[in-house]
C-alpha atoms as a PDB file:
ATOM      1  CA  MET A   1      38.579   3.289 -80.887  1.00  0.00           C
ATOM      2  CA  LYS A   2      39.279   0.672 -78.535  1.00  0.00           C
ATOM      3  CA  LYS A   3      41.616  -1.770 -80.644  1.00  0.00           C
ATOM      4  CA  ARG A   4      43.383   1.761 -81.823  1.00  0.00           C
ATOM      5  CA  VAL A   5      44.061   2.540 -78.309  1.00  0.00           C
ATOM      6  CA  LYS A   6      45.217  -1.344 -77.688  1.00  0.00           C
ATOM      7  CA  GLU A   7      47.581  -1.645 -79.856  1.00  0.00           C
ATOM      8  CA  PHE A   8      49.402   1.915 -79.157  1.00  0.00           C
ATOM      9  CA  ARG A   9      49.729   0.876 -75.545  1.00  0.00           C
ATOM     10  CA  GLY A  10      51.409  -2.395 -75.532  1.00  0.00           C
ATOM     11  CA  LYS A  11      54.358  -0.566 -78.500  1.00  0.00           C
ATOM     12  CA  THR A  12      57.055   1.339 -75.783  1.00  0.00           C
ATOM     13  CA  ILE A  13      57.994   4.796 -75.636  1.00  0.00           C
ATOM     14  CA  VAL A  14      60.749   5.063 -78.445  1.00  0.00           C
ATOM     15  CA  ASP A  15      57.806   3.153 -80.715  1.00  0.00           C
ATOM     16  CA  LEU A  16      55.456   5.600 -79.649  1.00  0.00           C
ATOM     17  CA  LYS A  17      57.924   8.479 -80.575  1.00  0.00           C
ATOM     18  CA  LYS A  18      58.690   6.839 -84.175  1.00  0.00           C
ATOM     19  CA  GLU A  19      55.350   6.333 -85.310  1.00  0.00           C
ATOM     20  CA  THR A  20      54.624   9.853 -84.625  1.00  0.00           C
ATOM     21  CA  GLN A  21      57.232  11.183 -86.450  1.00  0.00           C
ATOM     22  CA  LEU A  22      54.970   8.844 -89.802  1.00  0.00           C
ATOM     23  CA  LEU A  23      51.423  10.008 -88.725  1.00  0.00           C
ATOM     24  CA  ARG A  24      53.428  13.455 -88.714  1.00  0.00           C
ATOM     25  CA  GLU A  25      55.114  13.266 -91.749  1.00  0.00           C
ATOM     26  CA  GLU A  26      51.704  11.663 -93.534  1.00  0.00           C
ATOM     27  CA  ILE A  27      49.781  13.942 -93.236  1.00  0.00           C
ATOM     28  CA  ALA A  28      51.846  16.672 -93.901  1.00  0.00           C
ATOM     29  CA  LYS A  29      52.119  14.994 -97.711  1.00  0.00           C
ATOM     30  CA  LYS A  30      48.034  14.324 -97.485  1.00  0.00           C
ATOM     31  CA  THR A  31      47.090  18.252 -96.559  1.00  0.00           C
ATOM     32  CA  LEU A  32      49.377  18.990 -99.480  1.00  0.00           C
ATOM     33  CA  GLN A  33      48.272  16.019-102.499  1.00  0.00           C
ATOM     34  CA  ASN A  34      45.191  17.579-100.964  1.00  0.00           C
ATOM     35  CA  ARG A  35      45.473  21.408-102.502  1.00  0.00           C
ATOM     36  CA  MET A  36      47.384  20.608-105.313  1.00  0.00           C
ATOM     37  CA  ASN A  37      45.077  17.817-106.316  1.00  0.00           C
ATOM     38  CA  PRO A  38      41.247  17.620-104.077  1.00  0.00           C
ATOM     39  CA  GLU A  39      39.837  14.504-103.196  1.00  0.00           C
ATOM     40  CA  LYS A  40      36.987  12.738-103.196  1.00  0.00           C
ATOM     41  CA  ASN A  41      37.330  11.389 -99.433  1.00  0.00           C
ATOM     42  CA  THR A  42      38.595  14.503 -97.362  1.00  0.00           C
ATOM     43  CA  ASN A  43      38.269  12.370 -94.387  1.00  0.00           C
ATOM     44  CA  THR A  44      41.453  10.914 -94.373  1.00  0.00           C
ATOM     45  CA  ILE A  45      43.650  13.432 -92.827  1.00  0.00           C
ATOM     46  CA  PHE A  46      40.891  14.287 -90.358  1.00  0.00           C
ATOM     47  CA  GLN A  47      41.114  10.716 -89.355  1.00  0.00           C
ATOM     48  CA  LEU A  48      44.762  10.683 -89.286  1.00  0.00           C
ATOM     49  CA  ARG A  49      45.098  13.797 -87.001  1.00  0.00           C
ATOM     50  CA  LYS A  50      42.828  11.180 -85.110  1.00  0.00           C
ATOM     51  CA  LYS A  51      45.329   8.747 -84.781  1.00  0.00           C
ATOM     52  CA  LEU A  52      47.778  10.641 -84.014  1.00  0.00           C
ATOM     53  CA  ALA A  53      45.961  12.632 -81.411  1.00  0.00           C
ATOM     54  CA  VAL A  54      45.657   8.892 -79.319  1.00  0.00           C
ATOM     55  CA  LEU A  55      48.760   8.234 -80.078  1.00  0.00           C
ATOM     56  CA  LEU A  56      50.158  11.573 -78.285  1.00  0.00           C
ATOM     57  CA  THR A  57      47.915  10.964 -75.516  1.00  0.00           C
ATOM     58  CA  VAL A  58      49.221   7.313 -75.138  1.00  0.00           C
ATOM     59  CA  LEU A  59      52.569   8.744 -75.542  1.00  0.00           C
ATOM     60  CA  SER A  60      52.472  10.945 -72.830  1.00  0.00           C
ATOM     61  CA  GLU A  61      51.117   8.757 -70.186  1.00  0.00           C
ATOM     62  CA  LYS A  62      53.634   5.780 -70.765  1.00  0.00           C
ATOM     63  CA  GLU A  63      55.769   9.190 -69.815  1.00  0.00           C
ATOM     64  CA  GLU A  64      54.345   9.936 -66.767  1.00  0.00           C
ATOM     65  CA  ILE A  65      54.056   6.666 -66.394  1.00  0.00           C
ATOM     66  CA  GLU A  66      58.114   6.311 -65.946  1.00  0.00           C
ATOM     67  CA  LYS A  67      58.696   9.327 -64.801  1.00  0.00           C
ATOM     68  CA  LEU A  68      56.265   7.579 -61.270  1.00  0.00           C
ATOM     69  CA  LYS A  69      58.717   5.003 -61.482  1.00  0.00           C
ATOM     70  CA  PRO A  70      60.715   4.860 -58.125  1.00  0.00           C
ATOM     71  CA  GLU A  71      64.391   4.099 -59.930  1.00  0.00           C
ATOM     72  CA  LYS A  72      66.409   1.081 -58.817  1.00  0.00           C
ATOM     73  CA  LYS A  73      68.823   2.101 -56.290  1.00  0.00           C
ATOM     74  CA  LEU A  74      72.638  -0.272 -56.656  1.00  0.00           C
ATOM     75  CA  ALA A  75      73.107  -2.545 -53.832  1.00  0.00           C
ATOM     76  CA  PRO A  76      76.212  -1.978 -51.967  1.00  0.00           C
ATOM     77  CA  PRO A  77      78.848  -5.015 -52.909  1.00  0.00           C
ATOM     78  CA  ALA A  78      79.117  -7.800 -50.898  1.00  0.00           C
ATOM     79  CA  GLY A  79      81.539  -8.316 -48.521  1.00  0.00           C
ATOM     80  CA  ARG A  80      82.905  -5.766 -45.953  1.00  0.00           C
ATOM     81  CA  LEU A  81      84.287  -2.488 -47.156  1.00  0.00           C
ATOM     82  CA  LYS A  82      87.295  -2.699 -46.044  1.00  0.00           C
ATOM     83  CA  ILE A  83      88.833   1.367 -44.264  1.00  0.00           C
ATOM     84  CA  ASP A  84      92.258   1.581 -44.306  1.00  0.00           C
ATOM     85  CA  GLN A  85      93.645   3.200 -40.128  1.00  0.00           C
ATOM     86  CA  LYS A  86      96.776   5.263 -40.333  1.00  0.00           C
END
């Protein structure tokens, strides 16, 4: 479990979102296959859902960290500002 968390923490937010999409599709396929032709190992769906939960947790942590980071402010232009005098 800790390996999985470390692996997910090393990825970017975009990569994590892609991974969640792929996992959700895989869970849907496995569920459908299991209903049509039950497998001997029914634990695979449970493991995939658990992996998805860990992934979503890490993703939400990363998004919260991004929200808390201060936005970079643009530096004022170098040199003096010219003011037109009338």
